[in-house]
Amino acid sequence: MDSRLDYKNFLKQINKELKKIGEVSFGKHGKKSVKPLFPRLSYYWCRHSWATIASELDIPKETIAHALGHGNNTVTDIYINFDMRKVDKANRQVIDFILHYNGNI
């Protein structure tokens, strides 16, 4: 994000790049084209999917909120030093689930 002017430009660039995930082919004169695997893929869709999977894996809502950057929403949160290792563990659980998904949760 350091090279982007603001958050909206950053999101716009991420969404543009996500659309490049797919089958790459080269046409005449080496022109590259991409057939997106998920044409509607977006940053929002990814966050929503991650949170849904995490919830289905019984990851606590508080950990999901922190992973999404929604922590520190109450006065109490100011006094609590949230252990980000919980977010790391949640990410690992979601990644492992996606990599080894067999149709069952």
C-alpha atoms as a PDB file:
ATOM      1  CA  MET A   1       0.000   0.000   0.000  1.00  0.00           C
ATOM      2  CA  ASP A   2       3.025   2.277   0.402  1.00  0.00           C
ATOM      3  CA  SER A   3       2.984   3.221  -3.279  1.00  0.00           C
ATOM      4  CA  ARG A   4      -0.783   3.950  -3.385  1.00  0.00           C
ATOM      5  CA  LEU A   5      -2.288   7.341  -2.663  1.00  0.00           C
ATOM      6  CA  ASP A   6      -5.011   6.084  -0.394  1.00  0.00           C
ATOM      7  CA  TYR A   7      -6.939   3.051   0.768  1.00  0.00           C
ATOM      8  CA  LYS A   8      -9.470   3.207  -2.090  1.00  0.00           C
ATOM      9  CA  ASN A   9      -6.718   3.180  -4.720  1.00  0.00           C
ATOM     10  CA  PHE A  10      -5.069   0.301  -2.887  1.00  0.00           C
ATOM     11  CA  LEU A  11      -8.308  -1.724  -2.927  1.00  0.00           C
ATOM     12  CA  LYS A  12      -8.873  -0.893  -6.589  1.00  0.00           C
ATOM     13  CA  GLN A  13      -5.406  -2.226  -7.441  1.00  0.00           C
ATOM     14  CA  ILE A  14      -5.883  -5.392  -5.351  1.00  0.00           C
ATOM     15  CA  ASN A  15      -9.225  -6.092  -7.040  1.00  0.00           C
ATOM     16  CA  LYS A  16      -7.642  -5.547 -10.463  1.00  0.00           C
ATOM     17  CA  GLU A  17      -4.827  -7.988  -9.647  1.00  0.00           C
ATOM     18  CA  LEU A  18      -7.207 -10.617  -8.228  1.00  0.00           C
ATOM     19  CA  LYS A  19      -8.914 -10.708 -11.637  1.00  0.00           C
ATOM     20  CA  LYS A  20      -5.584 -11.822 -13.117  1.00  0.00           C
ATOM     21  CA  ILE A  21      -5.746 -15.155 -11.322  1.00  0.00           C
ATOM     22  CA  GLY A  22      -6.526 -17.675 -13.992  1.00  0.00           C
ATOM     23  CA  GLU A  23      -5.465 -19.237 -17.249  1.00  0.00           C
ATOM     24  CA  VAL A  24      -2.827 -17.240 -19.125  1.00  0.00           C
ATOM     25  CA  SER A  25      -2.450 -17.467 -22.874  1.00  0.00           C
ATOM     26  CA  PHE A  26      -0.350 -15.651 -25.424  1.00  0.00           C
ATOM     27  CA  GLY A  27      -1.734 -14.514 -28.757  1.00  0.00           C
ATOM     28  CA  LYS A  28      -0.209 -12.899 -31.792  1.00  0.00           C
ATOM     29  CA  HIS A  29       2.958 -10.973 -31.173  1.00  0.00           C
ATOM     30  CA  GLY A  30       3.157 -12.417 -27.651  1.00  0.00           C
ATOM     31  CA  LYS A  31       0.167 -10.470 -26.342  1.00  0.00           C
ATOM     32  CA  LYS A  32      -0.770 -11.904 -22.964  1.00  0.00           C
ATOM     33  CA  SER A  33      -4.384 -12.496 -21.979  1.00  0.00           C
ATOM     34  CA  VAL A  34      -5.915 -13.952 -18.832  1.00  0.00           C
ATOM     35  CA  LYS A  35      -9.136 -15.908 -18.512  1.00  0.00           C
ATOM     36  CA  PRO A  36     -10.049 -15.312 -14.850  1.00  0.00           C
ATOM     37  CA  LEU A  37     -10.950 -18.347 -12.756  1.00  0.00           C
ATOM     38  CA  PHE A  38     -13.219 -16.162 -10.633  1.00  0.00           C
ATOM     39  CA  PRO A  39     -14.277 -13.058 -12.594  1.00  0.00           C
ATOM     40  CA  ARG A  40     -16.147 -11.573  -9.620  1.00  0.00           C
ATOM     41  CA  LEU A  41     -13.333 -12.179  -7.110  1.00  0.00           C
ATOM     42  CA  SER A  42     -12.732  -9.148  -4.912  1.00  0.00           C
ATOM     43  CA  TYR A  43     -10.988  -8.177  -1.698  1.00  0.00           C
ATOM     44  CA  TYR A  44     -14.383  -8.026   0.030  1.00  0.00           C
ATOM     45  CA  TRP A  45     -15.280 -11.511  -1.248  1.00  0.00           C
ATOM     46  CA  CYS A  46     -11.985 -12.886   0.105  1.00  0.00           C
ATOM     47  CA  ARG A  47     -12.476 -11.314   3.548  1.00  0.00           C
ATOM     48  CA  HIS A  48     -16.090 -12.504   3.706  1.00  0.00           C
ATOM     49  CA  SER A  49     -15.087 -16.035   2.708  1.00  0.00           C
ATOM     50  CA  TRP A  50     -12.233 -16.153   5.210  1.00  0.00           C
ATOM     51  CA  ALA A  51     -14.512 -14.995   8.041  1.00  0.00           C
ATOM     52  CA  THR A  52     -17.225 -17.491   7.083  1.00  0.00           C
ATOM     53  CA  ILE A  53     -14.785 -20.409   6.995  1.00  0.00           C
ATOM     54  CA  ALA A  54     -13.190 -19.297  10.274  1.00  0.00           C
ATOM     55  CA  SER A  55     -16.602 -19.142  11.926  1.00  0.00           C
ATOM     56  CA  GLU A  56     -17.494 -22.619  10.645  1.00  0.00           C
ATOM     57  CA  LEU A  57     -14.220 -23.878  12.161  1.00  0.00           C
ATOM     58  CA  ASP A  58     -15.372 -22.506  15.546  1.00  0.00           C
ATOM     59  CA  ILE A  59     -12.719 -19.808  15.667  1.00  0.00           C
ATOM     60  CA  PRO A  60     -13.925 -17.282  18.265  1.00  0.00           C
ATOM     61  CA  LYS A  61     -15.676 -14.192  16.926  1.00  0.00           C
ATOM     62  CA  GLU A  62     -13.208 -11.977  18.806  1.00  0.00           C
ATOM     63  CA  THR A  63     -10.282 -13.555  16.921  1.00  0.00           C
ATOM     64  CA  ILE A  64     -12.094 -13.202  13.595  1.00  0.00           C
ATOM     65  CA  ALA A  65     -12.763  -9.533  14.356  1.00  0.00           C
ATOM     66  CA  HIS A  66      -9.093  -8.889  15.129  1.00  0.00           C
ATOM     67  CA  ALA A  67      -7.984 -10.740  12.001  1.00  0.00           C
ATOM     68  CA  LEU A  68     -10.228  -8.471   9.927  1.00  0.00           C
ATOM     69  CA  GLY A  69      -8.908  -5.361  11.655  1.00  0.00           C
ATOM     70  CA  HIS A  70     -12.092  -4.824  13.655  1.00  0.00           C
ATOM     71  CA  GLY A  71     -10.416  -4.969  17.060  1.00  0.00           C
ATOM     72  CA  ASN A  72     -10.261  -2.089  19.514  1.00  0.00           C
ATOM     73  CA  ASN A  73     -13.942  -1.223  19.106  1.00  0.00           C
ATOM     74  CA  THR A  74     -14.712  -0.791  22.789  1.00  0.00           C
ATOM     75  CA  VAL A  75     -13.197   1.026  25.715  1.00  0.00           C
ATOM     76  CA  THR A  76     -12.315  -2.347  27.242  1.00  0.00           C
ATOM     77  CA  ASP A  77     -10.260  -3.252  24.155  1.00  0.00           C
ATOM     78  CA  ILE A  78      -7.935  -0.341  24.936  1.00  0.00           C
ATOM     79  CA  TYR A  79      -6.837  -2.135  28.105  1.00  0.00           C
ATOM     80  CA  ILE A  80      -6.423  -5.586  26.579  1.00  0.00           C
ATOM     81  CA  ASN A  81      -3.247  -6.536  24.758  1.00  0.00           C
ATOM     82  CA  PHE A  82      -4.733  -8.973  22.241  1.00  0.00           C
ATOM     83  CA  ASP A  83      -2.439 -11.911  21.450  1.00  0.00           C
ATOM     84  CA  MET A  84      -2.013 -11.800  17.666  1.00  0.00           C
ATOM     85  CA  ARG A  85      -0.762 -15.402  17.777  1.00  0.00           C
ATOM     86  CA  LYS A  86      -4.464 -16.268  17.931  1.00  0.00           C
ATOM     87  CA  VAL A  87      -4.894 -14.634  14.520  1.00  0.00           C
ATOM     88  CA  ASP A  88      -1.854 -16.524  13.199  1.00  0.00           C
ATOM     89  CA  LYS A  89      -3.343 -19.784  14.453  1.00  0.00           C
ATOM     90  CA  ALA A  90      -6.726 -18.927  12.899  1.00  0.00           C
ATOM     91  CA  ASN A  91      -5.061 -18.186   9.556  1.00  0.00           C
ATOM     92  CA  ARG A  92      -3.282 -21.537   9.694  1.00  0.00           C
ATOM     93  CA  GLN A  93      -6.558 -23.343  10.447  1.00  0.00           C
ATOM     94  CA  VAL A  94      -8.336 -21.671   7.522  1.00  0.00           C
ATOM     95  CA  ILE A  95      -5.426 -22.323   5.131  1.00  0.00           C
ATOM     96  CA  ASP A  96      -5.196 -25.980   6.190  1.00  0.00           C
ATOM     97  CA  PHE A  97      -8.952 -26.369   5.785  1.00  0.00           C
ATOM     98  CA  ILE A  98      -8.860 -24.931   2.251  1.00  0.00           C
ATOM     99  CA  LEU A  99      -5.841 -27.029   1.243  1.00  0.00           C
ATOM    100  CA  HIS A 100      -7.306 -30.264   2.584  1.00  0.00           C
ATOM    101  CA  TYR A 101     -11.041 -29.661   2.067  1.00  0.00           C
ATOM    102  CA  ASN A 102     -12.894 -32.894   1.388  1.00  0.00           C
ATOM    103  CA  GLY A 103     -16.499 -31.703   1.477  1.00  0.00           C
ATOM    104  CA  ASN A 104     -16.877 -31.872   5.260  1.00  0.00           C
ATOM    105  CA  ILE A 105     -16.488 -29.224   7.895  1.00  0.00           C
END
